[in-house]
Structure formats: structure tokens, C-alpha cells
Amino acid sequence: MDPSMILAYETMAQIYEATGRADEAAQAMSQANALRSVAE
């Protein structure tokens, strides 16, 4: 797994959180965590 994809989802989560979109932030972090578990 390309680590930059994990970073991309984490960055998206931060942007969503900063703009008050908590549901999208949670989904993006969930995707980052799923990718991280596949990468291990």
C-alpha cells in the first residue's frame, strides 16, 4: 500500500473537521485506518 494514500485520507479528515463536516471526517479517518491495517 502506498503510504501517501493514508496521508491523503488523514489530510482530508483534517480538512473536513476544520470545516465542520464531522461525518465526512470520520469516514476519511476510517478509510485511513483501514488502509493502514492492510499495509501492516
PDB file of N, CA and C in Angstrom:
ATOM      1  N   MET A   1       0.846  -1.184   0.000  1.00  0.00           N
ATOM      2  CA  MET A   1       0.000   0.000   0.000  1.00  0.00           C
ATOM      3  C   MET A   1       0.885   1.238   0.000  1.00  0.00           C
ATOM      4  N   ASP A   2       0.498   2.172  -0.795  1.00  0.00           N
ATOM      5  CA  ASP A   2       1.224   3.438  -0.907  1.00  0.00           C
ATOM      6  C   ASP A   2       0.923   4.306   0.322  1.00  0.00           C
ATOM      7  N   PRO A   3       1.929   4.626   1.134  1.00  0.00           N
ATOM      8  CA  PRO A   3       1.682   5.428   2.339  1.00  0.00           C
ATOM      9  C   PRO A   3       1.094   6.805   2.044  1.00  0.00           C
ATOM     10  N   SER A   4       1.286   7.308   0.845  1.00  0.00           N
ATOM     11  CA  SER A   4       0.731   8.627   0.530  1.00  0.00           C
ATOM     12  C   SER A   4      -0.797   8.593   0.488  1.00  0.00           C
ATOM     13  N   MET A   5      -1.386   7.436   0.216  1.00  0.00           N
ATOM     14  CA  MET A   5      -2.849   7.328   0.239  1.00  0.00           C
ATOM     15  C   MET A   5      -3.372   7.477   1.666  1.00  0.00           C
ATOM     16  N   ILE A   6      -2.660   6.892   2.610  1.00  0.00           N
ATOM     17  CA  ILE A   6      -3.055   7.029   4.013  1.00  0.00           C
ATOM     18  C   ILE A   6      -2.965   8.494   4.423  1.00  0.00           C
ATOM     19  N   LEU A   7      -1.879   9.138   4.058  1.00  0.00           N
ATOM     20  CA  LEU A   7      -1.700  10.558   4.368  1.00  0.00           C
ATOM     21  C   LEU A   7      -2.794  11.404   3.713  1.00  0.00           C
ATOM     22  N   ALA A   8      -3.168  11.061   2.502  1.00  0.00           N
ATOM     23  CA  ALA A   8      -4.216  11.809   1.800  1.00  0.00           C
ATOM     24  C   ALA A   8      -5.542  11.728   2.559  1.00  0.00           C
ATOM     25  N   TYR A   9      -5.913  10.533   2.999  1.00  0.00           N
ATOM     26  CA  TYR A   9      -7.165  10.394   3.750  1.00  0.00           C
ATOM     27  C   TYR A   9      -7.091  11.108   5.091  1.00  0.00           C
ATOM     28  N   GLU A  10      -5.936  11.069   5.754  1.00  0.00           N
ATOM     29  CA  GLU A  10      -5.783  11.789   7.022  1.00  0.00           C
ATOM     30  C   GLU A  10      -5.904  13.296   6.806  1.00  0.00           C
ATOM     31  N   THR A  11      -5.328  13.783   5.716  1.00  0.00           N
ATOM     32  CA  THR A  11      -5.416  15.209   5.396  1.00  0.00           C
ATOM     33  C   THR A  11      -6.855  15.604   5.096  1.00  0.00           C
ATOM     34  N   MET A  12      -7.547  14.768   4.327  1.00  0.00           N
ATOM     35  CA  MET A  12      -8.962  15.038   4.041  1.00  0.00           C
ATOM     36  C   MET A  12      -9.762  15.096   5.336  1.00  0.00           C
ATOM     37  N   ALA A  13      -9.470  14.189   6.263  1.00  0.00           N
ATOM     38  CA  ALA A  13     -10.182  14.174   7.543  1.00  0.00           C
ATOM     39  C   ALA A  13      -9.954  15.477   8.305  1.00  0.00           C
ATOM     40  N   GLN A  14      -8.725  15.975   8.288  1.00  0.00           N
ATOM     41  CA  GLN A  14      -8.424  17.234   8.974  1.00  0.00           C
ATOM     42  C   GLN A  14      -9.173  18.398   8.334  1.00  0.00           C
ATOM     43  N   ILE A  15      -9.231  18.409   7.020  1.00  0.00           N
ATOM     44  CA  ILE A  15      -9.949  19.479   6.317  1.00  0.00           C
ATOM     45  C   ILE A  15     -11.437  19.412   6.639  1.00  0.00           C
ATOM     46  N   TYR A  16     -12.009  18.209   6.582  1.00  0.00           N
ATOM     47  CA  TYR A  16     -13.427  18.057   6.914  1.00  0.00           C
ATOM     48  C   TYR A  16     -13.698  18.501   8.344  1.00  0.00           C
ATOM     49  N   GLU A  17     -12.831  18.119   9.271  1.00  0.00           N
ATOM     50  CA  GLU A  17     -13.010  18.500  10.674  1.00  0.00           C
ATOM     51  C   GLU A  17     -12.956  20.017  10.824  1.00  0.00           C
ATOM     52  N   ALA A  18     -12.018  20.652  10.148  1.00  0.00           N
ATOM     53  CA  ALA A  18     -11.851  22.106  10.246  1.00  0.00           C
ATOM     54  C   ALA A  18     -13.028  22.862   9.649  1.00  0.00           C
ATOM     55  N   THR A  19     -13.734  22.230   8.724  1.00  0.00           N
ATOM     56  CA  THR A  19     -14.867  22.897   8.081  1.00  0.00           C
ATOM     57  C   THR A  19     -16.204  22.433   8.652  1.00  0.00           C
ATOM     58  N   GLY A  20     -16.149  21.745   9.796  1.00  0.00           N
ATOM     59  CA  GLY A  20     -17.373  21.371  10.486  1.00  0.00           C
ATOM     60  C   GLY A  20     -18.115  20.197   9.881  1.00  0.00           C
ATOM     61  N   ARG A  21     -17.430  19.379   9.139  1.00  0.00           N
ATOM     62  CA  ARG A  21     -18.072  18.224   8.498  1.00  0.00           C
ATOM     63  C   ARG A  21     -17.600  16.942   9.193  1.00  0.00           C
ATOM     64  N   ALA A  22     -18.107  16.745  10.402  1.00  0.00           N
ATOM     65  CA  ALA A  22     -17.639  15.657  11.262  1.00  0.00           C
ATOM     66  C   ALA A  22     -17.898  14.277  10.664  1.00  0.00           C
ATOM     67  N   ASP A  23     -19.035  14.097   9.996  1.00  0.00           N
ATOM     68  CA  ASP A  23     -19.336  12.780   9.423  1.00  0.00           C
ATOM     69  C   ASP A  23     -18.330  12.401   8.350  1.00  0.00           C
ATOM     70  N   GLU A  24     -18.023  13.351   7.468  1.00  0.00           N
ATOM     71  CA  GLU A  24     -17.040  13.088   6.421  1.00  0.00           C
ATOM     72  C   GLU A  24     -15.651  12.868   7.016  1.00  0.00           C
ATOM     73  N   ALA A  25     -15.334  13.614   8.078  1.00  0.00           N
ATOM     74  CA  ALA A  25     -14.040  13.444   8.747  1.00  0.00           C
ATOM     75  C   ALA A  25     -13.917  12.034   9.313  1.00  0.00           C
ATOM     76  N   ALA A  26     -14.967  11.550   9.923  1.00  0.00           N
ATOM     77  CA  ALA A  26     -14.946  10.204  10.493  1.00  0.00           C
ATOM     78  C   ALA A  26     -14.788   9.153   9.404  1.00  0.00           C
ATOM     79  N   GLN A  27     -15.462   9.354   8.280  1.00  0.00           N
ATOM     80  CA  GLN A  27     -15.344   8.397   7.175  1.00  0.00           C
ATOM     81  C   GLN A  27     -13.934   8.393   6.605  1.00  0.00           C
ATOM     82  N   ALA A  28     -13.346   9.563   6.454  1.00  0.00           N
ATOM     83  CA  ALA A  28     -11.989   9.646   5.909  1.00  0.00           C
ATOM     84  C   ALA A  28     -10.983   8.994   6.860  1.00  0.00           C
ATOM     85  N   MET A  29     -11.135   9.219   8.167  1.00  0.00           N
ATOM     86  CA  MET A  29     -10.227   8.580   9.126  1.00  0.00           C
ATOM     87  C   MET A  29     -10.431   7.072   9.151  1.00  0.00           C
ATOM     88  N   SER A  30     -11.666   6.643   8.999  1.00  0.00           N
ATOM     89  CA  SER A  30     -11.940   5.209   8.938  1.00  0.00           C
ATOM     90  C   SER A  30     -11.240   4.581   7.741  1.00  0.00           C
ATOM     91  N   GLN A  31     -11.289   5.266   6.610  1.00  0.00           N
ATOM     92  CA  GLN A  31     -10.620   4.764   5.412  1.00  0.00           C
ATOM     93  C   GLN A  31      -9.103   4.738   5.617  1.00  0.00           C
ATOM     94  N   ALA A  32      -8.550   5.772   6.224  1.00  0.00           N
ATOM     95  CA  ALA A  32      -7.108   5.804   6.500  1.00  0.00           C
ATOM     96  C   ALA A  32      -6.715   4.643   7.407  1.00  0.00           C
ATOM     97  N   ASN A  33      -7.522   4.389   8.429  1.00  0.00           N
ATOM     98  CA  ASN A  33      -7.227   3.285   9.345  1.00  0.00           C
ATOM     99  C   ASN A  33      -7.327   1.939   8.643  1.00  0.00           C
ATOM    100  N   ALA A  34      -8.300   1.796   7.752  1.00  0.00           N
ATOM    101  CA  ALA A  34      -8.437   0.546   7.002  1.00  0.00           C
ATOM    102  C   ALA A  34      -7.222   0.325   6.106  1.00  0.00           C
ATOM    103  N   LEU A  35      -6.778   1.377   5.444  1.00  0.00           N
ATOM    104  CA  LEU A  35      -5.597   1.258   4.586  1.00  0.00           C
ATOM    105  C   LEU A  35      -4.354   0.945   5.412  1.00  0.00           C
ATOM    106  N   ARG A  36      -4.273   1.558   6.585  1.00  0.00           N
ATOM    107  CA  ARG A  36      -3.124   1.317   7.459  1.00  0.00           C
ATOM    108  C   ARG A  36      -3.085  -0.150   7.891  1.00  0.00           C
ATOM    109  N   SER A  37      -4.240  -0.722   8.209  1.00  0.00           N
ATOM    110  CA  SER A  37      -4.267  -2.120   8.650  1.00  0.00           C
ATOM    111  C   SER A  37      -3.917  -3.065   7.510  1.00  0.00           C
ATOM    112  N   VAL A  38      -4.249  -2.704   6.284  1.00  0.00           N
ATOM    113  CA  VAL A  38      -3.889  -3.517   5.118  1.00  0.00           C
ATOM    114  C   VAL A  38      -2.391  -3.431   4.865  1.00  0.00           C
ATOM    115  N   ALA A  39      -1.816  -2.262   5.118  1.00  0.00           N
ATOM    116  CA  ALA A  39      -0.394  -2.039   4.848  1.00  0.00           C
ATOM    117  C   ALA A  39       0.499  -2.803   5.823  1.00  0.00           C
ATOM    118  N   GLU A  40      -0.024  -3.149   6.985  1.00  0.00           N
ATOM    119  CA  GLU A  40       0.797  -3.817   8.007  1.00  0.00           C
ATOM    120  C   GLU A  40       0.926  -5.293   7.773  1.00  0.00           C
TER     121      GLU A  40
END
